[in-house]
Protein backbone atom coordinates (compact mmCIF):
# COMPACT_ATOMS: atom_id res chain seq x y z
CA UNK A 1 -22.24 2.11 -19.59
CA UNK A 2 -20.29 4.85 -19.68
CA UNK A 3 -20.75 6.29 -16.68
CA UNK A 4 -20.43 2.72 -15.05
CA UNK A 5 -17.08 2.39 -16.46
CA UNK A 6 -16.03 5.99 -15.51
CA UNK A 7 -16.85 4.87 -11.89
CA UNK A 8 -15.10 1.62 -11.89
CA UNK A 9 -12.33 3.10 -13.42
CA UNK A 10 -12.16 5.98 -10.26
CA UNK A 11 -12.47 3.38 -7.78
CA UNK A 12 -9.64 0.89 -8.72
CA UNK A 13 -7.35 3.60 -9.86
CA UNK A 14 -7.34 5.29 -6.33
CA UNK A 15 -7.63 1.62 -4.62
CA UNK A 16 -4.54 0.54 -6.15
CA UNK A 17 -2.64 3.89 -5.71
CA UNK A 18 -3.46 4.08 -2.33
CA UNK A 19 -2.79 -0.19 -1.64
CA UNK A 20 0.32 0.17 -3.55
CA UNK A 21 1.80 3.44 -2.15
CA UNK A 22 0.52 1.54 1.57
CA UNK A 23 3.18 -1.15 0.70
CA UNK A 24 5.54 0.82 -0.99
CA UNK A 25 6.15 3.00 2.20
CA UNK A 26 7.06 -0.61 3.78
CA UNK A 27 9.01 -2.97 0.87
CA UNK A 28 10.28 -4.44 3.50
CA UNK A 29 7.47 -5.93 5.61
CA UNK A 30 5.74 -6.71 2.60
CA UNK A 31 8.40 -9.06 1.58
CA UNK A 32 8.18 -10.54 4.92
CA UNK A 33 4.53 -11.06 3.72
CA UNK A 34 5.64 -12.82 0.63
CA UNK A 35 8.19 -14.81 2.36
CA UNK A 36 5.22 -16.54 4.69
CA UNK A 37 3.02 -17.08 1.38
CA UNK A 38 6.16 -18.76 -0.49
CA UNK A 39 7.25 -20.75 2.53
CA UNK A 40 6.32 -24.64 3.09
CA UNK A 41 2.76 -25.47 4.43
CA UNK A 42 1.81 -22.57 2.27
CA UNK A 43 2.56 -22.35 -1.64
CA UNK A 44 5.68 -24.45 -1.04
CA UNK A 45 7.66 -21.88 -2.93
CA UNK A 46 11.23 -21.60 -1.11
CA UNK A 47 13.36 -20.55 -4.60
CA UNK A 48 11.33 -17.37 -4.25
CA UNK A 49 12.49 -16.64 -0.67
CA UNK A 50 15.32 -14.97 -1.42
CA UNK A 51 13.71 -13.03 -3.85
CA UNK A 52 10.56 -12.06 -1.94
CA UNK A 53 12.35 -8.22 -1.45
CA UNK A 54 12.78 -7.66 -5.48
CA UNK A 55 9.48 -9.05 -6.30
CA UNK A 56 8.03 -6.77 -3.46
CA UNK A 57 9.37 -3.83 -4.66
CA UNK A 58 8.51 -4.44 -8.50
CA UNK A 59 4.82 -5.31 -7.44
CA UNK A 60 4.00 -2.32 -5.23
CA UNK A 61 5.53 -0.31 -8.05
CA UNK A 62 3.52 -1.86 -10.63
CA UNK A 63 -0.01 -1.42 -8.50
CA UNK A 64 1.12 2.38 -8.34
CA UNK A 65 1.74 2.81 -12.08
CA UNK A 66 -1.49 0.77 -13.27
CA UNK A 67 -3.27 2.54 -10.57
CA UNK A 68 -2.10 6.03 -12.63
CA UNK A 69 -2.29 4.82 -16.07
CA UNK A 70 -6.06 3.71 -15.40
CA UNK A 71 -6.80 7.64 -13.97
CA UNK A 72 -5.01 9.40 -16.83
CA UNK A 73 -6.28 6.60 -19.52
CA UNK A 74 -3.03 5.93 -20.60
CA UNK A 75 -1.99 2.35 -22.81
CA UNK A 76 -5.79 1.43 -21.86
CA UNK A 77 -4.94 -1.97 -23.37
CA UNK A 78 -2.05 -2.80 -21.23
CA UNK A 79 -3.75 -1.34 -18.45
CA UNK A 80 -6.82 -3.26 -18.27
CA UNK A 81 -5.14 -6.76 -18.80
CA UNK A 82 -2.76 -6.26 -16.32
CA UNK A 83 -5.03 -5.51 -13.77
CA UNK A 84 -7.09 -8.42 -14.72
CA UNK A 85 -4.21 -10.79 -14.37
CA UNK A 86 -2.77 -9.05 -11.42
CA UNK A 87 -6.55 -8.78 -9.28
CA UNK A 88 -7.47 -12.78 -10.41
CA UNK A 89 -3.74 -14.14 -8.92
CA UNK A 90 -4.44 -12.02 -5.87
CA UNK A 91 -7.87 -13.34 -5.64
CA UNK A 92 -6.97 -16.64 -5.70
CA UNK A 93 -3.68 -15.78 -3.20
CA UNK A 94 -6.69 -14.77 -1.03
CA UNK A 95 -8.96 -17.25 -1.52
CA UNK A 96 -6.13 -19.73 -1.15
CA UNK A 97 -5.04 -18.35 2.35
CA UNK A 98 -9.39 -17.66 3.69
CA UNK A 99 -10.18 -21.58 2.53
CA UNK A 100 -7.14 -23.20 4.15
CA UNK A 101 -6.54 -20.58 6.95
CA UNK A 102 -2.74 -20.42 6.04
CA UNK A 103 -2.05 -16.48 5.86
CA UNK A 104 -4.30 -14.53 8.52
CA UNK A 105 -3.56 -11.23 7.18
CA UNK A 106 -2.99 -10.87 3.48
CA UNK A 107 -0.75 -7.58 3.56
CA UNK A 108 -3.04 -6.19 0.73
CA UNK A 109 -2.67 -2.72 2.71
CA UNK A 110 0.27 -3.18 4.90
CA UNK A 111 0.02 -2.53 8.48
CA UNK A 112 -2.31 0.76 8.14
CA UNK A 113 -5.91 -1.31 7.39
CA UNK A 114 -5.92 -5.23 8.96
CA UNK A 115 -8.37 -7.61 6.74
CA UNK A 116 -9.20 -10.74 7.91
CA UNK A 117 -8.69 -13.72 5.08
CA UNK A 118 -12.44 -13.48 4.09
CA UNK A 119 -12.58 -9.90 4.29
CA UNK A 120 -9.48 -9.60 1.64
CA UNK A 121 -11.07 -12.41 -0.42
CA UNK A 122 -14.40 -10.28 -0.22
CA UNK A 123 -12.57 -7.17 -1.81
CA UNK A 124 -10.53 -8.72 -4.25
CA UNK A 125 -14.11 -10.15 -5.41
CA UNK A 126 -15.39 -6.87 -5.48
CA UNK A 127 -12.37 -5.31 -7.56
CA UNK A 128 -12.48 -8.32 -9.68
CA UNK A 129 -15.75 -7.62 -10.91
CA UNK A 130 -15.24 -3.86 -11.34
CA UNK A 131 -12.14 -5.08 -13.35
CA UNK A 132 -14.22 -6.95 -15.43
CA UNK A 133 -16.50 -4.01 -16.40
CA UNK A 134 -13.18 -1.78 -17.21
CA UNK A 135 -12.03 -4.65 -19.06
CA UNK A 136 -15.38 -5.22 -21.40
CA UNK A 137 -15.93 -1.30 -21.23
CA UNK A 138 -12.29 -0.26 -22.32
CA UNK A 139 -13.44 1.86 -24.96
CA UNK A 140 -15.13 3.90 -22.65
CA UNK A 141 -11.79 4.84 -20.65
CA UNK A 142 -10.53 8.04 -22.71
CA UNK A 143 -7.02 9.53 -22.38
CA UNK A 144 -7.41 12.88 -20.43
CA UNK A 145 -3.70 14.45 -21.30
CA UNK A 146 -2.22 13.99 -24.89
CA UNK A 147 0.27 11.23 -25.14
CA UNK A 148 3.17 13.82 -24.42
CA UNK A 149 1.91 14.88 -20.93
CA UNK A 150 1.00 11.22 -20.25
CA UNK A 151 4.59 10.18 -21.02
CA UNK A 152 5.77 13.17 -18.35
CA UNK A 153 3.23 12.19 -15.72
CA UNK A 154 4.05 8.35 -15.93
CA UNK A 155 7.63 9.35 -15.71
CA UNK A 156 7.04 11.86 -12.71
CA UNK A 157 5.09 8.53 -10.97
CA UNK A 158 8.00 5.92 -11.94
CA UNK A 159 10.82 8.04 -10.36
CA UNK A 160 8.86 9.28 -7.45
CA UNK A 161 8.43 5.63 -6.48
CA UNK A 162 12.16 4.67 -7.22
CA UNK A 163 13.45 7.60 -4.90
CA UNK A 164 10.70 6.60 -2.35
CA UNK A 165 11.81 3.10 -2.51
CA UNK A 166 15.15 3.69 -2.40
CA UNK A 167 14.27 6.02 0.98
CA UNK A 168 12.53 3.47 3.04
CA UNK A 169 14.66 0.92 2.04
CA UNK A 170 17.84 2.84 3.35
CA UNK A 171 16.10 4.48 6.36
CA UNK A 172 12.73 3.32 7.75
CA UNK A 173 9.14 3.82 6.68
CA UNK A 174 8.18 7.41 6.59
CA UNK A 175 4.64 6.37 8.14
CA UNK A 176 5.13 3.85 10.67
CA UNK A 177 1.60 2.17 11.08
CA UNK A 178 2.94 -0.50 13.82
CA UNK A 179 2.36 -0.60 17.26
CA UNK A 180 6.02 0.01 17.56
CA UNK A 181 6.17 4.00 16.39
CA UNK A 182 7.88 6.26 18.43
CA UNK A 183 5.66 7.65 21.08
CA UNK A 184 4.05 4.37 21.62
CA UNK A 185 4.41 3.15 24.99
CA UNK A 186 5.48 -1.28 24.51
CA UNK A 187 3.78 -2.22 28.16
CA UNK A 188 0.24 0.33 27.19
CA UNK A 189 -0.04 -1.65 24.10
CA UNK A 190 0.04 -5.00 25.58
CA UNK A 191 -2.88 -4.16 28.03
CA UNK A 192 -6.32 -5.25 27.17
CA UNK A 193 -9.13 -2.89 28.30
CA UNK A 194 -11.94 -3.17 30.82
CA UNK A 195 -14.80 -4.52 28.86
CA UNK A 196 -12.50 -5.54 25.65
CA UNK A 197 -14.27 -8.68 24.11
CA UNK A 198 -13.59 -11.92 24.63
CA UNK A 199 -12.97 -14.62 21.96
CA UNK A 200 -15.93 -17.05 22.32
CA UNK A 201 -15.51 -20.92 21.26
CA UNK A 202 -17.67 -23.87 20.23
CA UNK A 203 -17.22 -27.22 21.98
CA UNK A 204 -17.97 -30.30 20.27
CA UNK A 205 -18.48 -32.61 22.70
CA UNK A 206 -18.16 -36.59 21.46
CA UNK A 207 -19.81 -38.80 23.95
CA UNK A 208 -20.90 -42.25 23.02
CA UNK A 209 -24.45 -42.95 24.13
CA UNK A 210 -26.06 -46.70 24.18
CA UNK A 211 -23.49 -47.63 21.61
CA UNK A 212 -23.99 -44.81 19.30
CA UNK A 213 -22.05 -41.48 19.41
CA UNK A 214 -23.61 -38.09 20.11
CA UNK A 215 -22.07 -34.75 19.32
CA UNK A 216 -23.51 -32.09 21.47
CA UNK A 217 -21.89 -27.85 21.13
CA UNK A 218 -21.96 -26.17 23.78
CA UNK A 219 -19.71 -22.51 24.69
CA UNK A 220 -18.18 -24.10 27.29
CA UNK A 221 -20.28 -26.08 29.94
CA UNK A 222 -19.79 -29.66 30.13
CA UNK A 223 -23.04 -31.04 28.84
CA UNK A 224 -25.27 -32.91 31.25
CA UNK A 225 -25.30 -36.18 29.53
CA UNK A 226 -25.52 -40.31 30.77
CA UNK A 227 -22.80 -41.33 28.34
CA UNK A 228 -19.11 -42.38 27.80
CA UNK A 229 -16.99 -39.39 26.84
CA UNK A 230 -14.85 -39.66 24.08
CA UNK A 231 -13.01 -36.32 23.37
CA UNK A 232 -14.16 -32.71 22.43
CA UNK A 233 -12.85 -30.24 20.01
CA UNK A 234 -12.88 -25.93 20.24
CA UNK A 235 -13.54 -23.80 17.12
CA UNK A 236 -12.98 -20.27 17.76
CA UNK A 237 -16.74 -18.71 16.23
CA UNK A 238 -15.84 -14.98 17.84
CA UNK A 239 -12.34 -13.27 17.78
CA UNK A 240 -12.18 -11.50 20.47
CA UNK A 241 -10.03 -8.36 21.73
CA UNK A 242 -6.18 -8.45 20.51
CA UNK A 243 -3.95 -5.93 21.99
CA UNK A 244 -1.96 -4.37 19.30
CA UNK A 245 1.61 -5.33 20.96
CA UNK A 246 1.56 -9.23 21.87
CA UNK A 247 3.80 -12.49 22.68
CA UNK A 248 6.53 -9.74 23.25
CA UNK A 249 8.99 -11.18 25.47
CA UNK A 250 12.84 -10.47 26.42
CA UNK A 251 14.11 -13.99 27.63
CA UNK A 252 17.55 -15.03 29.00
CA UNK A 253 18.10 -18.43 30.20
CA UNK A 254 14.35 -19.15 29.81
CA UNK A 255 13.28 -16.29 32.22
CA UNK A 256 11.17 -13.25 30.57
CA UNK A 257 13.05 -9.98 31.73
CA UNK A 258 10.49 -7.94 29.47
CA UNK A 259 8.36 -6.35 32.64
CA UNK A 260 11.58 -5.48 34.37
CA UNK A 261 13.35 -3.92 31.41
CA UNK A 262 10.34 -1.63 30.01
CA UNK A 263 11.02 -0.07 33.53
CA UNK A 264 14.10 1.23 32.75
CA UNK A 265 14.59 5.06 32.34
CA UNK A 266 17.32 4.80 29.87
CA UNK A 267 16.90 1.75 28.00
CA UNK A 268 18.95 1.05 24.56
CA UNK A 269 17.85 -2.00 22.44
CA UNK A 270 19.77 -3.34 19.37
CA UNK A 271 17.78 -5.38 17.63
CA UNK A 272 18.72 -8.13 14.61
CA UNK A 273 15.55 -10.86 13.74
CA UNK A 274 18.69 -12.74 12.24
CA UNK A 275 22.30 -12.27 12.29
CA UNK A 276 22.92 -14.43 9.49
CA UNK A 277 20.97 -12.04 7.25
CA UNK A 278 22.13 -8.65 9.46
CA UNK A 279 24.40 -6.18 7.19
CA UNK A 280 27.45 -7.11 9.55
CA UNK A 281 29.35 -4.21 8.70
CA UNK A 282 26.76 -2.04 10.65
CA UNK A 283 28.01 -3.65 14.06
CA UNK A 284 31.26 -1.09 14.34
CA UNK A 285 29.11 1.82 14.19
CA UNK A 286 26.56 -0.13 16.40
CA UNK A 287 29.56 -0.61 18.84
CA UNK A 288 30.54 3.23 18.89
CA UNK A 289 26.67 4.75 19.65
CA UNK A 290 26.32 1.91 22.40
CA UNK A 291 29.94 2.50 24.25
CA UNK A 292 28.73 6.16 24.22
CA UNK A 293 24.97 5.51 25.36
CA UNK A 294 26.51 3.32 28.27
CA UNK A 295 28.82 5.98 29.09
CA UNK A 296 25.78 8.15 29.65
CA UNK A 297 24.27 5.99 32.10
CA UNK A 298 21.99 3.92 29.58
CA UNK A 299 21.45 0.11 30.15
CA UNK A 300 22.13 -1.52 26.46
CA UNK A 301 20.42 -4.78 25.51
CA UNK A 302 20.70 -6.88 22.22
CA UNK A 303 17.63 -8.88 21.13
CA UNK A 304 17.68 -11.39 18.57
CA UNK A 305 15.97 -14.69 17.69
CA UNK A 306 19.79 -16.42 17.15
CA UNK A 307 20.89 -18.73 19.09
CA UNK A 308 23.47 -18.28 21.66
CA UNK A 309 26.56 -19.28 19.96
CA UNK A 310 25.63 -16.59 17.09
CA UNK A 311 25.13 -13.55 19.09
CA UNK A 312 28.23 -14.94 21.69
CA UNK A 313 30.51 -15.06 18.38
CA UNK A 314 29.24 -11.55 17.15
CA UNK A 315 29.83 -9.97 20.68
CA UNK A 316 33.68 -11.36 20.23
CA UNK A 317 34.14 -10.03 17.00
CA UNK A 318 32.73 -6.73 17.66
CA UNK A 319 33.36 -6.56 21.39
CA UNK A 320 30.47 -5.23 22.10
CA UNK A 321 30.05 -4.21 25.97
CA UNK A 322 26.35 -5.56 26.31
CA UNK A 323 24.47 -8.73 26.42
CA UNK A 324 21.88 -10.46 24.01
CA UNK A 325 18.62 -11.37 24.86
CA UNK A 326 15.78 -13.41 22.88
CA UNK A 327 12.69 -12.45 21.35
CA UNK A 328 10.26 -13.81 18.57
CA UNK A 329 11.07 -13.13 15.37
CA UNK A 330 8.16 -12.14 14.09
CA UNK A 331 7.64 -9.33 16.63
CA UNK A 332 11.62 -8.02 16.14
CA UNK A 333 10.67 -7.84 12.28
CA UNK A 334 7.96 -5.94 13.28
CA UNK A 335 9.58 -3.83 15.69
CA UNK A 336 11.96 -2.57 13.14
CA UNK A 337 12.51 -3.26 9.35
CA UNK A 338 16.32 -2.87 9.61
CA UNK A 339 18.49 -5.67 10.46
CA UNK A 340 19.97 -3.97 12.78
CA UNK A 341 17.92 -1.44 14.27
CA UNK A 342 18.56 0.46 17.43
CA UNK A 343 15.46 1.46 19.68
CA UNK A 344 15.89 4.47 22.77
CA UNK A 345 13.16 3.80 25.20
CA UNK A 346 12.25 5.57 28.58
CA UNK A 347 9.96 3.51 31.00
CA UNK A 348 8.41 1.73 28.16
CA UNK A 349 8.24 4.48 25.56
CA UNK A 350 10.13 4.49 22.44
CA UNK A 351 11.84 7.90 22.24
CA UNK A 352 14.14 6.98 18.95
CA UNK A 353 14.37 4.52 16.47
CA UNK A 354 16.68 4.26 13.61
CA UNK A 355 17.87 2.07 10.54
CA UNK A 356 21.60 1.31 10.86
CA UNK A 357 22.56 3.84 8.37
CA UNK A 358 21.15 6.53 10.46
CA UNK A 359 22.72 5.80 14.10
CA UNK A 360 24.49 9.09 13.56
CA UNK A 361 21.08 10.58 14.26
CA UNK A 362 20.63 9.16 18.01
CA UNK A 363 20.81 11.47 20.88
CA UNK A 364 22.03 10.16 24.43
C-alpha cells in the first residue's frame, strides 16, 4: 500500500501541477471555457459568467498549489480532501459534457492537449481512483521537509503563481499553444493535407415496407429496397481531419475577403472580439500605432464580432483611419487573448502579436 500511495502521490501531484500551469499560462482562455460551461443550454448558470476570469484564476492557482502540497506532504488532510472534492466535481462536469455532448473540449490542459469529452471523462476517472487511494492511504503520505521549509516552498509557489498570472493577464501567454502563434501562416493552417482521414457517417434510412417501418444503415449509399422512403438520420462515427485553423473569415457586407487580405505583404489587424467589453482607453494608443503603420505603407483593418453601429461609433470617437470587418467571436478569442490586440502579418504569416499594453513594442 505504501508503494501504491507513493506512486499515486507522484502521478497526481505532477499532473495537477502541469494541468494548472498550462491553464495558468492562459487564464483568459480558461475563463472563456468556464463561460461556455456557465452558459444557457449547458449548466445554465449565467450569474457566474461575469466572474469567470476570477474563478479561472482561483481554480488554476489552487490546482498548482495542491500539486505542490501533495508532492512535499504539506497539510496532508486538507490536501487530499481538496483533491477529492475537485476531482469529483471535474468528473461530474466531464461526464455531463460527454453524455449530453454539451462542451466538446473540457479545457483540462488548455490548448496544449486537446481531449474529446469521453477522453476527458476517462482521464478524470483514472485520477479519481488514484486520489481515492491517496485518501484512504493518507497515513503513508509523509512530509519530505520540516514545516518551516514547507512554508517557504508554498510561499514561493504562491508568489510565483501570482506574479506569473499578473504578467500573462497584462501581456499575452508566455507559451502560445494556439494555431495563431507568431511565425504561423494562417492560410497554411486552413489547408487539409492530401490523404488526410475524412469523416465517416452512418446513414439510418427509414422506409415503410408492407405497412411497417424498417431502418437500414449504410455509410452513404442509398439502399436498394422496395418501400416508401420516410426520412434519414446521419451520425458521425469517425471524425475526420480538422485543420488547426477553421471557420476563419473576414467578412464585409456578406463577402469574405480573407483570401485577398491574407495575400497582403504588409497587413495590420486590430482584433477586438466584443467592443462592449473592450478596454476603450486602449484605442487612443491603437490610433497612434495604426497611423504610423499606414504612413509606412501597411494596410490596416479592424476585425470584430460587434455590429456595424458599434464599430462605426468606435471609429468616430477615436478617429480611426481604417475599416472594420466581421469575424466569428470564438475565432477572435482564439487569435489573441487581448481585447483589443494587434497583429502584424506578411502574406498570412503572423510576424508580431501584442497585447494592448504592449503596443509600443510594435515595429513597422
